Amino acid sequence: MKDENDNKTIDCVAEPKPKLIETELGIEKLCLCCDDYYPMDDEFFYPKRRKTASGVKYEYEAVCKACYPIHYNKQTSRRYKAKSKHEMAA
């Protein structure tokens, strides 16, 4: 976008979305993969259990259940790209 008074380019940076919002359905969490809000419960997000110094903390994953295999299979697929010599010969 260019300013009419100046010939310099202005960067339009959108405000980042909040990770949690309060709606009539309760607290909703932002899925980082599909960029939509879903209710923060076990139906839409996988629960995650973390041990801390003060005890056990329960959280939810950053991506929804629909996006979970898409998001995490990208990471694991790189591990299995290297084939053994037997697979290359076949």
PDB file of N, CA and C in Angstrom:
ATOM      1  N   MET A   1       0.843  -1.171   0.000  1.00  0.00           N
ATOM      2  CA  MET A   1       0.000   0.000   0.000  1.00  0.00           C
ATOM      3  C   MET A   1       0.887   1.231   0.000  1.00  0.00           C
ATOM      4  N   LYS A   2       0.569   2.189  -0.810  1.00  0.00           N
ATOM      5  CA  LYS A   2       1.388   3.396  -0.883  1.00  0.00           C
ATOM      6  C   LYS A   2       0.632   4.578  -0.313  1.00  0.00           C
ATOM      7  N   ASP A   3       1.363   5.401   0.385  1.00  0.00           N
ATOM      8  CA  ASP A   3       0.796   6.633   0.913  1.00  0.00           C
ATOM      9  C   ASP A   3       0.788   7.661  -0.213  1.00  0.00           C
ATOM     10  N   GLU A   4      -0.296   8.429  -0.350  1.00  0.00           N
ATOM     11  CA  GLU A   4      -0.402   9.385  -1.443  1.00  0.00           C
ATOM     12  C   GLU A   4       0.579  10.543  -1.288  1.00  0.00           C
ATOM     13  N   ASN A   5       0.855  10.945  -0.054  1.00  0.00           N
ATOM     14  CA  ASN A   5       1.788  12.036   0.179  1.00  0.00           C
ATOM     15  C   ASN A   5       3.237  11.599   0.037  1.00  0.00           C
ATOM     16  N   ASP A   6       3.488  10.373   0.321  1.00  0.00           N
ATOM     17  CA  ASP A   6       4.827   9.810   0.251  1.00  0.00           C
ATOM     18  C   ASP A   6       4.833   8.712  -0.802  1.00  0.00           C
ATOM     19  N   ASN A   7       5.938   8.479  -1.412  1.00  0.00           N
ATOM     20  CA  ASN A   7       6.032   7.369  -2.344  1.00  0.00           C
ATOM     21  C   ASN A   7       6.664   6.147  -1.677  1.00  0.00           C
ATOM     22  N   LYS A   8       6.639   6.114  -0.350  1.00  0.00           N
ATOM     23  CA  LYS A   8       7.181   4.976   0.390  1.00  0.00           C
ATOM     24  C   LYS A   8       6.083   3.935   0.587  1.00  0.00           C
ATOM     25  N   THR A   9       6.479   2.691   0.669  1.00  0.00           N
ATOM     26  CA  THR A   9       5.534   1.605   0.882  1.00  0.00           C
ATOM     27  C   THR A   9       5.244   1.471   2.369  1.00  0.00           C
ATOM     28  N   ILE A  10       3.973   1.305   2.700  1.00  0.00           N
ATOM     29  CA  ILE A  10       3.559   1.117   4.082  1.00  0.00           C
ATOM     30  C   ILE A  10       3.166  -0.341   4.251  1.00  0.00           C
ATOM     31  N   ASP A  11       3.742  -1.005   5.238  1.00  0.00           N
ATOM     32  CA  ASP A  11       3.398  -2.394   5.502  1.00  0.00           C
ATOM     33  C   ASP A  11       2.114  -2.455   6.307  1.00  0.00           C
ATOM     34  N   CYS A  12       1.154  -3.191   5.806  1.00  0.00           N
ATOM     35  CA  CYS A  12      -0.111  -3.394   6.526  1.00  0.00           C
ATOM     36  C   CYS A  12       0.018  -4.698   7.303  1.00  0.00           C
ATOM     37  N   VAL A  13       0.196  -4.594   8.583  1.00  0.00           N
ATOM     38  CA  VAL A  13       0.343  -5.764   9.429  1.00  0.00           C
ATOM     39  C   VAL A  13      -0.959  -5.957  10.186  1.00  0.00           C
ATOM     40  N   ALA A  14      -1.577  -7.093   9.976  1.00  0.00           N
ATOM     41  CA  ALA A  14      -2.834  -7.392  10.665  1.00  0.00           C
ATOM     42  C   ALA A  14      -2.542  -7.773  12.115  1.00  0.00           C
ATOM     43  N   GLU A  15      -3.460  -7.418  12.985  1.00  0.00           N
ATOM     44  CA  GLU A  15      -3.322  -7.779  14.391  1.00  0.00           C
ATOM     45  C   GLU A  15      -3.464  -9.290  14.519  1.00  0.00           C
ATOM     46  N   PRO A  16      -2.618  -9.938  15.313  1.00  0.00           N
ATOM     47  CA  PRO A  16      -2.772 -11.384  15.489  1.00  0.00           C
ATOM     48  C   PRO A  16      -4.056 -11.696  16.255  1.00  0.00           C
ATOM     49  N   LYS A  17      -4.663 -12.817  15.933  1.00  0.00           N
ATOM     50  CA  LYS A  17      -5.896 -13.219  16.612  1.00  0.00           C
ATOM     51  C   LYS A  17      -5.567 -13.684  18.032  1.00  0.00           C
ATOM     52  N   PRO A  18      -6.459 -13.427  18.989  1.00  0.00           N
ATOM     53  CA  PRO A  18      -6.227 -13.952  20.339  1.00  0.00           C
ATOM     54  C   PRO A  18      -6.387 -15.469  20.344  1.00  0.00           C
ATOM     55  N   LYS A  19      -5.630 -16.162  21.191  1.00  0.00           N
ATOM     56  CA  LYS A  19      -5.685 -17.625  21.233  1.00  0.00           C
ATOM     57  C   LYS A  19      -6.957 -18.132  21.889  1.00  0.00           C
ATOM     58  N   LEU A  20      -7.489 -17.372  22.832  1.00  0.00           N
ATOM     59  CA  LEU A  20      -8.724 -17.758  23.513  1.00  0.00           C
ATOM     60  C   LEU A  20      -9.715 -16.613  23.442  1.00  0.00           C
ATOM     61  N   ILE A  21     -10.995 -16.948  23.216  1.00  0.00           N
ATOM     62  CA  ILE A  21     -12.045 -15.933  23.248  1.00  0.00           C
ATOM     63  C   ILE A  21     -13.208 -16.463  24.084  1.00  0.00           C
ATOM     64  N   GLU A  22     -13.983 -15.557  24.633  1.00  0.00           N
ATOM     65  CA  GLU A  22     -15.173 -15.911  25.417  1.00  0.00           C
ATOM     66  C   GLU A  22     -16.404 -15.678  24.549  1.00  0.00           C
ATOM     67  N   THR A  23     -17.217 -16.716  24.348  1.00  0.00           N
ATOM     68  CA  THR A  23     -18.447 -16.602  23.563  1.00  0.00           C
ATOM     69  C   THR A  23     -19.609 -17.140  24.391  1.00  0.00           C
ATOM     70  N   GLU A  24     -20.794 -17.166  23.788  1.00  0.00           N
ATOM     71  CA  GLU A  24     -21.955 -17.699  24.503  1.00  0.00           C
ATOM     72  C   GLU A  24     -21.833 -19.200  24.731  1.00  0.00           C
ATOM     73  N   LEU A  25     -20.968 -19.874  23.956  1.00  0.00           N
ATOM     74  CA  LEU A  25     -20.727 -21.305  24.144  1.00  0.00           C
ATOM     75  C   LEU A  25     -19.698 -21.580  25.230  1.00  0.00           C
ATOM     76  N   GLY A  26     -19.012 -20.562  25.697  1.00  0.00           N
ATOM     77  CA  GLY A  26     -17.949 -20.709  26.688  1.00  0.00           C
ATOM     78  C   GLY A  26     -16.630 -20.244  26.095  1.00  0.00           C
ATOM     79  N   ILE A  27     -15.544 -20.770  26.617  1.00  0.00           N
ATOM     80  CA  ILE A  27     -14.217 -20.392  26.128  1.00  0.00           C
ATOM     81  C   ILE A  27     -13.929 -21.169  24.848  1.00  0.00           C
ATOM     82  N   GLU A  28     -13.490 -20.455  23.818  1.00  0.00           N
ATOM     83  CA  GLU A  28     -13.116 -21.086  22.549  1.00  0.00           C
ATOM     84  C   GLU A  28     -11.645 -20.847  22.274  1.00  0.00           C
ATOM     85  N   LYS A  29     -11.002 -21.859  21.694  1.00  0.00           N
ATOM     86  CA  LYS A  29      -9.563 -21.828  21.420  1.00  0.00           C
ATOM     87  C   LYS A  29      -9.323 -21.738  19.921  1.00  0.00           C
ATOM     88  N   LEU A  30      -8.260 -21.053  19.538  1.00  0.00           N
ATOM     89  CA  LEU A  30      -7.885 -20.889  18.139  1.00  0.00           C
ATOM     90  C   LEU A  30      -7.044 -22.074  17.683  1.00  0.00           C
ATOM     91  N   CYS A  31      -7.432 -22.679  16.569  1.00  0.00           N
ATOM     92  CA  CYS A  31      -6.622 -23.726  15.952  1.00  0.00           C
ATOM     93  C   CYS A  31      -5.555 -23.038  15.112  1.00  0.00           C
ATOM     94  N   LEU A  32      -4.304 -23.363  15.342  1.00  0.00           N
ATOM     95  CA  LEU A  32      -3.214 -22.697  14.627  1.00  0.00           C
ATOM     96  C   LEU A  32      -3.112 -23.116  13.167  1.00  0.00           C
ATOM     97  N   CYS A  33      -3.657 -24.262  12.833  1.00  0.00           N
ATOM     98  CA  CYS A  33      -3.546 -24.757  11.466  1.00  0.00           C
ATOM     99  C   CYS A  33      -4.652 -24.199  10.560  1.00  0.00           C
ATOM    100  N   CYS A  34      -5.916 -24.336  10.980  1.00  0.00           N
ATOM    101  CA  CYS A  34      -7.023 -23.879  10.124  1.00  0.00           C
ATOM    102  C   CYS A  34      -7.495 -22.476  10.474  1.00  0.00           C
ATOM    103  N   ASP A  35      -6.989 -21.900  11.542  1.00  0.00           N
ATOM    104  CA  ASP A  35      -7.262 -20.509  11.930  1.00  0.00           C
ATOM    105  C   ASP A  35      -8.740 -20.270  12.251  1.00  0.00           C
ATOM    106  N   ASP A  36      -9.387 -21.263  12.873  1.00  0.00           N
ATOM    107  CA  ASP A  36     -10.782 -21.152  13.311  1.00  0.00           C
ATOM    108  C   ASP A  36     -10.853 -21.343  14.818  1.00  0.00           C
ATOM    109  N   TYR A  37     -11.945 -20.859  15.411  1.00  0.00           N
ATOM    110  CA  TYR A  37     -12.171 -21.022  16.846  1.00  0.00           C
ATOM    111  C   TYR A  37     -13.125 -22.186  17.088  1.00  0.00           C
ATOM    112  N   TYR A  38     -12.795 -23.021  18.091  1.00  0.00           N
ATOM    113  CA  TYR A  38     -13.621 -24.148  18.504  1.00  0.00           C
ATOM    114  C   TYR A  38     -13.712 -24.156  20.019  1.00  0.00           C
ATOM    115  N   PRO A  39     -14.811 -24.725  20.571  1.00  0.00           N
ATOM    116  CA  PRO A  39     -14.896 -24.820  22.030  1.00  0.00           C
ATOM    117  C   PRO A  39     -13.723 -25.618  22.598  1.00  0.00           C
ATOM    118  N   MET A  40     -13.193 -25.148  23.698  1.00  0.00           N
ATOM    119  CA  MET A  40     -12.006 -25.773  24.290  1.00  0.00           C
ATOM    120  C   MET A  40     -12.439 -26.951  25.158  1.00  0.00           C
ATOM    121  N   ASP A  41     -12.620 -28.108  24.516  1.00  0.00           N
ATOM    122  CA  ASP A  41     -12.961 -29.327  25.239  1.00  0.00           C
ATOM    123  C   ASP A  41     -12.407 -30.530  24.485  1.00  0.00           C
ATOM    124  N   ASP A  42     -12.657 -31.726  25.040  1.00  0.00           N
ATOM    125  CA  ASP A  42     -12.105 -32.959  24.467  1.00  0.00           C
ATOM    126  C   ASP A  42     -12.721 -33.329  23.125  1.00  0.00           C
ATOM    127  N   GLU A  43     -13.838 -32.734  22.770  1.00  0.00           N
ATOM    128  CA  GLU A  43     -14.472 -33.046  21.499  1.00  0.00           C
ATOM    129  C   GLU A  43     -13.704 -32.456  20.313  1.00  0.00           C
ATOM    130  N   PHE A  44     -13.078 -31.308  20.502  1.00  0.00           N
ATOM    131  CA  PHE A  44     -12.405 -30.621  19.398  1.00  0.00           C
ATOM    132  C   PHE A  44     -10.880 -30.633  19.491  1.00  0.00           C
ATOM    133  N   PHE A  45     -10.303 -30.769  20.688  1.00  0.00           N
ATOM    134  CA  PHE A  45      -8.855 -30.741  20.872  1.00  0.00           C
ATOM    135  C   PHE A  45      -8.403 -31.953  21.684  1.00  0.00           C
ATOM    136  N   TYR A  46      -7.214 -32.469  21.346  1.00  0.00           N
ATOM    137  CA  TYR A  46      -6.646 -33.557  22.131  1.00  0.00           C
ATOM    138  C   TYR A  46      -6.081 -32.995  23.426  1.00  0.00           C
ATOM    139  N   PRO A  47      -6.408 -33.641  24.572  1.00  0.00           N
ATOM    140  CA  PRO A  47      -5.836 -33.163  25.834  1.00  0.00           C
ATOM    141  C   PRO A  47      -4.370 -33.576  25.952  1.00  0.00           C
ATOM    142  N   LYS A  48      -3.630 -32.798  26.686  1.00  0.00           N
ATOM    143  CA  LYS A  48      -2.202 -33.038  26.868  1.00  0.00           C
ATOM    144  C   LYS A  48      -1.910 -32.869  28.358  1.00  0.00           C
ATOM    145  N   ARG A  49      -1.210 -33.813  28.945  1.00  0.00           N
ATOM    146  CA  ARG A  49      -0.908 -33.787  30.377  1.00  0.00           C
ATOM    147  C   ARG A  49       0.564 -33.477  30.579  1.00  0.00           C
ATOM    148  N   ARG A  50       0.841 -32.423  31.362  1.00  0.00           N
ATOM    149  CA  ARG A  50       2.230 -32.021  31.627  1.00  0.00           C
ATOM    150  C   ARG A  50       2.504 -32.063  33.117  1.00  0.00           C
ATOM    151  N   LYS A  51       3.676 -32.547  33.461  1.00  0.00           N
ATOM    152  CA  LYS A  51       4.088 -32.532  34.863  1.00  0.00           C
ATOM    153  C   LYS A  51       4.865 -31.254  35.127  1.00  0.00           C
ATOM    154  N   THR A  52       4.507 -30.559  36.180  1.00  0.00           N
ATOM    155  CA  THR A  52       5.209 -29.352  36.587  1.00  0.00           C
ATOM    156  C   THR A  52       5.663 -29.526  38.025  1.00  0.00           C
ATOM    157  N   ALA A  53       6.402 -28.560  38.547  1.00  0.00           N
ATOM    158  CA  ALA A  53       6.877 -28.630  39.924  1.00  0.00           C
ATOM    159  C   ALA A  53       5.717 -28.574  40.912  1.00  0.00           C
ATOM    160  N   SER A  54       4.641 -27.889  40.549  1.00  0.00           N
ATOM    161  CA  SER A  54       3.497 -27.754  41.446  1.00  0.00           C
ATOM    162  C   SER A  54       2.486 -28.894  41.286  1.00  0.00           C
ATOM    163  N   GLY A  55       2.685 -29.790  40.359  1.00  0.00           N
ATOM    164  CA  GLY A  55       1.773 -30.904  40.151  1.00  0.00           C
ATOM    165  C   GLY A  55       1.573 -31.184  38.674  1.00  0.00           C
ATOM    166  N   VAL A  56       0.412 -31.705  38.347  1.00  0.00           N
ATOM    167  CA  VAL A  56       0.095 -32.061  36.962  1.00  0.00           C
ATOM    168  C   VAL A  56      -0.799 -30.967  36.378  1.00  0.00           C
ATOM    169  N   LYS A  57      -0.473 -30.552  35.145  1.00  0.00           N
ATOM    170  CA  LYS A  57      -1.242 -29.517  34.466  1.00  0.00           C
ATOM    171  C   LYS A  57      -1.854 -30.111  33.199  1.00  0.00           C
ATOM    172  N   TYR A  58      -3.142 -29.905  33.018  1.00  0.00           N
ATOM    173  CA  TYR A  58      -3.840 -30.400  31.833  1.00  0.00           C
ATOM    174  C   TYR A  58      -4.028 -29.248  30.847  1.00  0.00           C
ATOM    175  N   GLU A  59      -3.647 -29.479  29.605  1.00  0.00           N
ATOM    176  CA  GLU A  59      -3.758 -28.485  28.540  1.00  0.00           C
ATOM    177  C   GLU A  59      -4.357 -29.162  27.316  1.00  0.00           C
ATOM    178  N   TYR A  60      -4.559 -28.366  26.282  1.00  0.00           N
ATOM    179  CA  TYR A  60      -5.025 -28.904  25.003  1.00  0.00           C
ATOM    180  C   TYR A  60      -3.981 -28.600  23.935  1.00  0.00           C
ATOM    181  N   GLU A  61      -3.937 -29.463  22.915  1.00  0.00           N
ATOM    182  CA  GLU A  61      -3.007 -29.264  21.802  1.00  0.00           C
ATOM    183  C   GLU A  61      -3.301 -27.953  21.084  1.00  0.00           C
ATOM    184  N   ALA A  62      -2.337 -27.457  20.319  1.00  0.00           N
ATOM    185  CA  ALA A  62      -2.479 -26.182  19.617  1.00  0.00           C
ATOM    186  C   ALA A  62      -3.334 -26.291  18.359  1.00  0.00           C
ATOM    187  N   VAL A  63      -3.469 -27.494  17.811  1.00  0.00           N
ATOM    188  CA  VAL A  63      -4.276 -27.687  16.605  1.00  0.00           C
ATOM    189  C   VAL A  63      -5.483 -28.564  16.938  1.00  0.00           C
ATOM    190  N   CYS A  64      -6.570 -28.383  16.210  1.00  0.00           N
ATOM    191  CA  CYS A  64      -7.796 -29.149  16.468  1.00  0.00           C
ATOM    192  C   CYS A  64      -7.613 -30.602  16.002  1.00  0.00           C
ATOM    193  N   LYS A  65      -8.575 -31.447  16.359  1.00  0.00           N
ATOM    194  CA  LYS A  65      -8.488 -32.866  16.002  1.00  0.00           C
ATOM    195  C   LYS A  65      -8.511 -33.084  14.491  1.00  0.00           C
ATOM    196  N   ALA A  66      -9.216 -32.238  13.759  1.00  0.00           N
ATOM    197  CA  ALA A  66      -9.276 -32.387  12.296  1.00  0.00           C
ATOM    198  C   ALA A  66      -7.926 -32.077  11.649  1.00  0.00           C
ATOM    199  N   CYS A  67      -7.199 -31.099  12.192  1.00  0.00           N
ATOM    200  CA  CYS A  67      -5.916 -30.690  11.613  1.00  0.00           C
ATOM    201  C   CYS A  67      -4.722 -31.447  12.202  1.00  0.00           C
ATOM    202  N   TYR A  68      -4.936 -32.178  13.271  1.00  0.00           N
ATOM    203  CA  TYR A  68      -3.834 -32.842  13.972  1.00  0.00           C
ATOM    204  C   TYR A  68      -3.027 -33.768  13.065  1.00  0.00           C
ATOM    205  N   PRO A  69      -3.643 -34.703  12.324  1.00  0.00           N
ATOM    206  CA  PRO A  69      -2.826 -35.576  11.463  1.00  0.00           C
ATOM    207  C   PRO A  69      -2.118 -34.819  10.344  1.00  0.00           C
ATOM    208  N   ILE A  70      -2.750 -33.800   9.817  1.00  0.00           N
ATOM    209  CA  ILE A  70      -2.134 -33.011   8.742  1.00  0.00           C
ATOM    210  C   ILE A  70      -0.914 -32.269   9.268  1.00  0.00           C
ATOM    211  N   HIS A  71      -1.060 -31.650  10.426  1.00  0.00           N
ATOM    212  CA  HIS A  71       0.012 -30.838  10.993  1.00  0.00           C
ATOM    213  C   HIS A  71       1.192 -31.687  11.451  1.00  0.00           C
ATOM    214  N   TYR A  72       0.917 -32.792  12.157  1.00  0.00           N
ATOM    215  CA  TYR A  72       2.002 -33.580  12.723  1.00  0.00           C
ATOM    216  C   TYR A  72       2.564 -34.615  11.763  1.00  0.00           C
ATOM    217  N   ASN A  73       1.839 -35.002  10.722  1.00  0.00           N
ATOM    218  CA  ASN A  73       2.411 -35.927   9.744  1.00  0.00           C
ATOM    219  C   ASN A  73       3.488 -35.251   8.904  1.00  0.00           C
ATOM    220  N   LYS A  74       3.450 -33.928   8.786  1.00  0.00           N
ATOM    221  CA  LYS A  74       4.518 -33.222   8.069  1.00  0.00           C
ATOM    222  C   LYS A  74       5.851 -33.447   8.765  1.00  0.00           C
ATOM    223  N   GLN A  75       5.822 -33.433  10.093  1.00  0.00           N
ATOM    224  CA  GLN A  75       7.058 -33.589  10.855  1.00  0.00           C
ATOM    225  C   GLN A  75       7.567 -35.020  10.799  1.00  0.00           C
ATOM    226  N   THR A  76       6.665 -36.007  10.926  1.00  0.00           N
ATOM    227  CA  THR A  76       7.112 -37.398  10.945  1.00  0.00           C
ATOM    228  C   THR A  76       7.456 -37.903   9.553  1.00  0.00           C
ATOM    229  N   SER A  77       6.867 -37.336   8.501  1.00  0.00           N
ATOM    230  CA  SER A  77       7.161 -37.828   7.159  1.00  0.00           C
ATOM    231  C   SER A  77       8.607 -37.547   6.754  1.00  0.00           C
ATOM    232  N   ARG A  78       9.206 -36.492   7.295  1.00  0.00           N
ATOM    233  CA  ARG A  78      10.609 -36.195   6.982  1.00  0.00           C
ATOM    234  C   ARG A  78      11.543 -37.251   7.555  1.00  0.00           C
ATOM    235  N   ARG A  79      11.154 -37.857   8.667  1.00  0.00           N
ATOM    236  CA  ARG A  79      11.990 -38.874   9.294  1.00  0.00           C
ATOM    237  C   ARG A  79      12.105 -40.115   8.430  1.00  0.00           C
ATOM    238  N   TYR A  80      11.039 -40.446   7.723  1.00  0.00           N
ATOM    239  CA  TYR A  80      11.007 -41.702   6.983  1.00  0.00           C
ATOM    240  C   TYR A  80      11.325 -41.539   5.502  1.00  0.00           C
ATOM    241  N   LYS A  81      11.823 -40.376   5.102  1.00  0.00           N
ATOM    242  CA  LYS A  81      12.181 -40.177   3.692  1.00  0.00           C
ATOM    243  C   LYS A  81      13.414 -40.989   3.311  1.00  0.00           C
ATOM    244  N   ALA A  82      14.376 -41.091   4.236  1.00  0.00           N
ATOM    245  CA  ALA A  82      15.592 -41.848   3.952  1.00  0.00           C
ATOM    246  C   ALA A  82      15.242 -43.329   3.902  1.00  0.00           C
ATOM    247  N   LYS A  83      15.485 -43.968   2.787  1.00  0.00           N
ATOM    248  CA  LYS A  83      15.155 -45.374   2.637  1.00  0.00           C
ATOM    249  C   LYS A  83      16.398 -46.219   2.843  1.00  0.00           C
ATOM    250  N   SER A  84      16.182 -47.435   3.256  1.00  0.00           N
ATOM    251  CA  SER A  84      17.302 -48.343   3.425  1.00  0.00           C
ATOM    252  C   SER A  84      17.789 -48.804   2.041  1.00  0.00           C
ATOM    253  N   LYS A  85      18.933 -49.455   2.004  1.00  0.00           N
ATOM    254  CA  LYS A  85      19.493 -49.943   0.742  1.00  0.00           C
ATOM    255  C   LYS A  85      18.573 -50.970   0.092  1.00  0.00           C
ATOM    256  N   HIS A  86      17.884 -51.765   0.922  1.00  0.00           N
ATOM    257  CA  HIS A  86      16.999 -52.790   0.383  1.00  0.00           C
ATOM    258  C   HIS A  86      15.794 -52.157  -0.311  1.00  0.00           C
ATOM    259  N   GLU A  87      15.271 -51.062   0.233  1.00  0.00           N
ATOM    260  CA  GLU A  87      14.121 -50.402  -0.381  1.00  0.00           C
ATOM    261  C   GLU A  87      14.526 -49.678  -1.669  1.00  0.00           C
ATOM    262  N   MET A  88      15.736 -49.143  -1.719  1.00  0.00           N
ATOM    263  CA  MET A  88      16.200 -48.450  -2.917  1.00  0.00           C
ATOM    264  C   MET A  88      16.396 -49.409  -4.078  1.00  0.00           C
ATOM    265  N   ALA A  89      16.825 -50.649  -3.793  1.00  0.00           N
ATOM    266  CA  ALA A  89      17.090 -51.632  -4.837  1.00  0.00           C
ATOM    267  C   ALA A  89      15.793 -52.168  -5.436  1.00  0.00           C
ATOM    268  N   ALA A  90      14.730 -52.127  -4.698  1.00  0.00           N
ATOM    269  CA  ALA A  90      13.469 -52.734  -5.169  1.00  0.00           C
ATOM    270  C   ALA A  90      12.772 -51.902  -6.206  1.00  0.00           C
TER     271      ALA A  90
END
